[in-house]
Amino acid sequence: MNNQNINIRWGWLKIMYWYTIFGAGGFGLVIIVIPNVMRSTFGWHTQDPIVYGVAGSVWMAFGLLAILGLRSPLKFVPILLMQLCYKSIWFIGVVFPLLATGKFPLYAILHVVVMASFIIGDLIAIPFSYVFSKMDTTDYGVVTETS
């Protein structure tokens, strides 16, 4: 792999890991520990506690794993990729159809803005040239078998 052709925005990676720790991780923690506070703060309707708990657990897991990203930013880029992927799918499959049919709830505006900020930050931070490059394993001291 030719490292000269790869543009890595180290500062943006760190920012997105911190944002994930406090944003996603914080949201997840509050959903799990004091779910009614989250519902009342954002005006969310009562939801199935199992599904709501899964969402909180996933967000908290993203936050916890992002802590590892602070130590090894490139190794944990898949955390940001997963975040980018699921949030983009959510926009395409949930938000846009609600907007198109005029059924978008006003209480969700803040949530959508936060999710959009994650998407924008991830698009800036993720070093796509690194992610999609073909790695030469000899750069990392990995021995591969030859037939």
C-alpha atoms as a PDB file:
ATOM      1  CA  MET A   1       0.000   0.000   0.000  1.00  0.00           C
ATOM      2  CA  ASN A   2       1.412   3.363  -0.945  1.00  0.00           C
ATOM      3  CA  ASN A   3       0.926   5.626   2.091  1.00  0.00           C
ATOM      4  CA  GLN A   4       1.759   8.736   0.053  1.00  0.00           C
ATOM      5  CA  ASN A   5      -1.625   8.610  -1.733  1.00  0.00           C
ATOM      6  CA  ILE A   6      -3.686   8.381   1.449  1.00  0.00           C
ATOM      7  CA  ASN A   7      -5.095  11.501   3.068  1.00  0.00           C
ATOM      8  CA  ILE A   8      -5.872  10.903   6.724  1.00  0.00           C
ATOM      9  CA  ARG A   9      -7.513  13.689   8.692  1.00  0.00           C
ATOM     10  CA  TRP A  10      -6.258  12.703  12.141  1.00  0.00           C
ATOM     11  CA  GLY A  11      -7.936  15.642  13.847  1.00  0.00           C
ATOM     12  CA  TRP A  12     -11.329  14.826  12.349  1.00  0.00           C
ATOM     13  CA  LEU A  13     -10.981  11.176  13.318  1.00  0.00           C
ATOM     14  CA  LYS A  14     -10.339  12.167  16.938  1.00  0.00           C
ATOM     15  CA  ILE A  15     -13.233  14.649  16.886  1.00  0.00           C
ATOM     16  CA  MET A  16     -15.624  11.987  15.595  1.00  0.00           C
ATOM     17  CA  TYR A  17     -14.463   9.456  18.168  1.00  0.00           C
ATOM     18  CA  TRP A  18     -15.031  12.004  20.964  1.00  0.00           C
ATOM     19  CA  TYR A  19     -18.399  12.968  19.449  1.00  0.00           C
ATOM     20  CA  THR A  20     -19.364   9.291  19.343  1.00  0.00           C
ATOM     21  CA  ILE A  21     -18.231   8.715  22.933  1.00  0.00           C
ATOM     22  CA  PHE A  22     -20.293  11.580  24.319  1.00  0.00           C
ATOM     23  CA  GLY A  23     -23.081  11.743  21.727  1.00  0.00           C
ATOM     24  CA  ALA A  24     -23.954   8.139  20.975  1.00  0.00           C
ATOM     25  CA  GLY A  25     -22.503   6.727  24.183  1.00  0.00           C
ATOM     26  CA  GLY A  26     -24.181   9.359  26.333  1.00  0.00           C
ATOM     27  CA  PHE A  27     -27.546   8.916  24.608  1.00  0.00           C
ATOM     28  CA  GLY A  28     -27.276   5.156  24.990  1.00  0.00           C
ATOM     29  CA  LEU A  29     -26.395   5.374  28.658  1.00  0.00           C
ATOM     30  CA  VAL A  30     -29.336   7.666  29.426  1.00  0.00           C
ATOM     31  CA  ILE A  31     -31.725   5.449  27.442  1.00  0.00           C
ATOM     32  CA  ILE A  32     -30.616   2.403  29.433  1.00  0.00           C
ATOM     33  CA  VAL A  33     -30.340   3.987  32.901  1.00  0.00           C
ATOM     34  CA  ILE A  34     -33.137   6.586  32.894  1.00  0.00           C
ATOM     35  CA  PRO A  35     -35.258   6.004  29.768  1.00  0.00           C
ATOM     36  CA  ASN A  36     -38.192   8.150  30.901  1.00  0.00           C
ATOM     37  CA  VAL A  37     -35.951  11.217  31.149  1.00  0.00           C
ATOM     38  CA  MET A  38     -34.895  10.757  27.536  1.00  0.00           C
ATOM     39  CA  ARG A  39     -38.491  10.312  26.382  1.00  0.00           C
ATOM     40  CA  SER A  40     -39.726  13.403  28.204  1.00  0.00           C
ATOM     41  CA  THR A  41     -36.723  15.551  27.206  1.00  0.00           C
ATOM     42  CA  PHE A  42     -37.206  14.886  23.500  1.00  0.00           C
ATOM     43  CA  GLY A  43     -40.967  14.402  23.510  1.00  0.00           C
ATOM     44  CA  TRP A  44     -40.707  10.829  22.278  1.00  0.00           C
ATOM     45  CA  HIS A  45     -43.698   8.558  22.558  1.00  0.00           C
ATOM     46  CA  THR A  46     -43.561   5.527  24.840  1.00  0.00           C
ATOM     47  CA  GLN A  47     -41.895   2.699  22.994  1.00  0.00           C
ATOM     48  CA  ASP A  48     -41.446  -1.009  23.427  1.00  0.00           C
ATOM     49  CA  PRO A  49     -38.809  -1.292  26.187  1.00  0.00           C
ATOM     50  CA  ILE A  50     -37.010  -4.145  24.420  1.00  0.00           C
ATOM     51  CA  VAL A  51     -36.570  -2.303  21.101  1.00  0.00           C
ATOM     52  CA  TYR A  52     -35.850   0.983  22.875  1.00  0.00           C
ATOM     53  CA  GLY A  53     -33.263  -0.826  25.019  1.00  0.00           C
ATOM     54  CA  VAL A  54     -31.613  -2.341  21.961  1.00  0.00           C
ATOM     55  CA  ALA A  55     -31.225   1.124  20.441  1.00  0.00           C
ATOM     56  CA  GLY A  56     -29.712   2.402  23.690  1.00  0.00           C
ATOM     57  CA  SER A  57     -27.386  -0.581  23.941  1.00  0.00           C
ATOM     58  CA  VAL A  58     -26.156  -0.171  20.366  1.00  0.00           C
ATOM     59  CA  TRP A  59     -25.489   3.540  20.848  1.00  0.00           C
ATOM     60  CA  MET A  60     -23.678   2.849  24.095  1.00  0.00           C
ATOM     61  CA  ALA A  61     -21.599   0.143  22.378  1.00  0.00           C
ATOM     62  CA  PHE A  62     -20.595   2.648  19.676  1.00  0.00           C
ATOM     63  CA  GLY A  63     -19.539   5.055  22.407  1.00  0.00           C
ATOM     64  CA  LEU A  64     -17.506   2.461  24.279  1.00  0.00           C
ATOM     65  CA  LEU A  65     -15.765   1.199  21.143  1.00  0.00           C
ATOM     66  CA  ALA A  66     -14.984   4.773  20.088  1.00  0.00           C
ATOM     67  CA  ILE A  67     -12.795   5.005  23.207  1.00  0.00           C
ATOM     68  CA  LEU A  68     -10.527   2.440  21.540  1.00  0.00           C
ATOM     69  CA  GLY A  69     -10.550   4.586  18.408  1.00  0.00           C
ATOM     70  CA  LEU A  70      -8.826   7.365  20.312  1.00  0.00           C
ATOM     71  CA  ARG A  71      -5.862   5.050  20.833  1.00  0.00           C
ATOM     72  CA  SER A  72      -5.813   3.448  17.363  1.00  0.00           C
ATOM     73  CA  PRO A  73      -7.772   5.735  15.021  1.00  0.00           C
ATOM     74  CA  LEU A  74      -7.303   3.759  11.795  1.00  0.00           C
ATOM     75  CA  LYS A  75      -7.905   0.366  13.347  1.00  0.00           C
ATOM     76  CA  PHE A  76     -11.340   1.467  14.603  1.00  0.00           C
ATOM     77  CA  VAL A  77     -12.544   3.310  11.492  1.00  0.00           C
ATOM     78  CA  PRO A  78     -15.146   0.513  11.015  1.00  0.00           C
ATOM     79  CA  ILE A  79     -16.979   2.028  14.016  1.00  0.00           C
ATOM     80  CA  LEU A  80     -17.413   5.256  12.077  1.00  0.00           C
ATOM     81  CA  LEU A  81     -18.308   3.328   8.909  1.00  0.00           C
ATOM     82  CA  MET A  82     -21.063   1.414  10.716  1.00  0.00           C
ATOM     83  CA  GLN A  83     -22.344   4.662  12.144  1.00  0.00           C
ATOM     84  CA  LEU A  84     -22.330   6.317   8.728  1.00  0.00           C
ATOM     85  CA  CYS A  85     -24.034   3.328   7.157  1.00  0.00           C
ATOM     86  CA  TYR A  86     -26.896   2.843   9.612  1.00  0.00           C
ATOM     87  CA  LYS A  87     -27.618   6.558   9.907  1.00  0.00           C
ATOM     88  CA  SER A  88     -27.704   6.944   6.120  1.00  0.00           C
ATOM     89  CA  ILE A  89     -30.049   3.951   5.828  1.00  0.00           C
ATOM     90  CA  TRP A  90     -32.240   5.492   8.548  1.00  0.00           C
ATOM     91  CA  PHE A  91     -32.452   8.740   6.587  1.00  0.00           C
ATOM     92  CA  ILE A  92     -33.301   6.960   3.338  1.00  0.00           C
ATOM     93  CA  GLY A  93     -35.699   4.399   4.801  1.00  0.00           C
ATOM     94  CA  VAL A  94     -37.360   6.385   7.610  1.00  0.00           C
ATOM     95  CA  VAL A  95     -36.829  10.149   7.537  1.00  0.00           C
ATOM     96  CA  PHE A  96     -37.233  10.824   3.811  1.00  0.00           C
ATOM     97  CA  PRO A  97     -40.435   8.743   3.468  1.00  0.00           C
ATOM     98  CA  LEU A  98     -41.946  10.547   6.482  1.00  0.00           C
ATOM     99  CA  LEU A  99     -41.026  13.901   4.957  1.00  0.00           C
ATOM    100  CA  ALA A 100     -42.373  12.878   1.554  1.00  0.00           C
ATOM    101  CA  THR A 101     -45.742  11.831   2.978  1.00  0.00           C
ATOM    102  CA  GLY A 102     -46.030  14.841   5.295  1.00  0.00           C
ATOM    103  CA  LYS A 103     -45.987  12.624   8.389  1.00  0.00           C
ATOM    104  CA  PHE A 104     -42.690  13.807   9.848  1.00  0.00           C
ATOM    105  CA  PRO A 105     -43.170  14.580  13.561  1.00  0.00           C
ATOM    106  CA  LEU A 106     -41.859  17.956  14.713  1.00  0.00           C
ATOM    107  CA  TYR A 107     -40.430  16.482  17.915  1.00  0.00           C
ATOM    108  CA  ALA A 108     -37.917  14.572  15.768  1.00  0.00           C
ATOM    109  CA  ILE A 109     -36.209  17.641  14.293  1.00  0.00           C
ATOM    110  CA  LEU A 110     -33.439  17.769  16.904  1.00  0.00           C
ATOM    111  CA  HIS A 111     -32.804  14.036  16.570  1.00  0.00           C
ATOM    112  CA  VAL A 112     -32.538  14.347  12.782  1.00  0.00           C
ATOM    113  CA  VAL A 113     -30.145  17.292  13.056  1.00  0.00           C
ATOM    114  CA  VAL A 114     -27.894  15.332  15.442  1.00  0.00           C
ATOM    115  CA  MET A 115     -27.922  12.274  13.153  1.00  0.00           C
ATOM    116  CA  ALA A 116     -27.139  14.465  10.126  1.00  0.00           C
ATOM    117  CA  SER A 117     -24.207  16.029  11.991  1.00  0.00           C
ATOM    118  CA  PHE A 118     -22.802  12.536  12.597  1.00  0.00           C
ATOM    119  CA  ILE A 119     -23.161  11.687   8.897  1.00  0.00           C
ATOM    120  CA  ILE A 120     -21.383  14.868   7.818  1.00  0.00           C
ATOM    121  CA  GLY A 121     -18.620  14.396  10.383  1.00  0.00           C
ATOM    122  CA  ASP A 122     -18.116  10.757   9.432  1.00  0.00           C
ATOM    123  CA  LEU A 123     -17.937  11.648   5.726  1.00  0.00           C
ATOM    124  CA  ILE A 124     -15.209  14.175   6.489  1.00  0.00           C
ATOM    125  CA  ALA A 125     -13.297  12.015   8.991  1.00  0.00           C
ATOM    126  CA  ILE A 126     -13.307   8.569   7.382  1.00  0.00           C
ATOM    127  CA  PRO A 127     -10.197   8.112   5.206  1.00  0.00           C
ATOM    128  CA  PHE A 128     -11.987   6.376   2.333  1.00  0.00           C
ATOM    129  CA  SER A 129      -8.790   6.098   0.282  1.00  0.00           C
ATOM    130  CA  TYR A 130      -7.331   4.071   3.166  1.00  0.00           C
ATOM    131  CA  VAL A 131     -10.481   2.015   3.730  1.00  0.00           C
ATOM    132  CA  PHE A 132     -10.819   1.013   0.082  1.00  0.00           C
ATOM    133  CA  SER A 133      -7.120   0.577  -0.673  1.00  0.00           C
ATOM    134  CA  LYS A 134      -5.675  -2.850  -1.228  1.00  0.00           C
ATOM    135  CA  MET A 135      -3.331  -3.427   1.683  1.00  0.00           C
ATOM    136  CA  ASP A 136       0.051  -4.984   1.205  1.00  0.00           C
ATOM    137  CA  THR A 137       0.285  -7.205   4.268  1.00  0.00           C
ATOM    138  CA  THR A 138       4.084  -7.115   4.193  1.00  0.00           C
ATOM    139  CA  ASP A 139       3.823  -3.503   5.448  1.00  0.00           C
ATOM    140  CA  TYR A 140       2.485  -4.879   8.728  1.00  0.00           C
ATOM    141  CA  GLY A 141       4.811  -7.811   9.234  1.00  0.00           C
ATOM    142  CA  VAL A 142       2.078 -10.313   8.364  1.00  0.00           C
ATOM    143  CA  VAL A 143       3.309 -13.477   6.758  1.00  0.00           C
ATOM    144  CA  THR A 144       1.035 -14.956   4.140  1.00  0.00           C
ATOM    145  CA  GLU A 145       1.177 -18.511   2.848  1.00  0.00           C
ATOM    146  CA  THR A 146       2.072 -19.061  -0.765  1.00  0.00           C
ATOM    147  CA  SER A 147       1.074 -22.175  -2.649  1.00  0.00           C
END
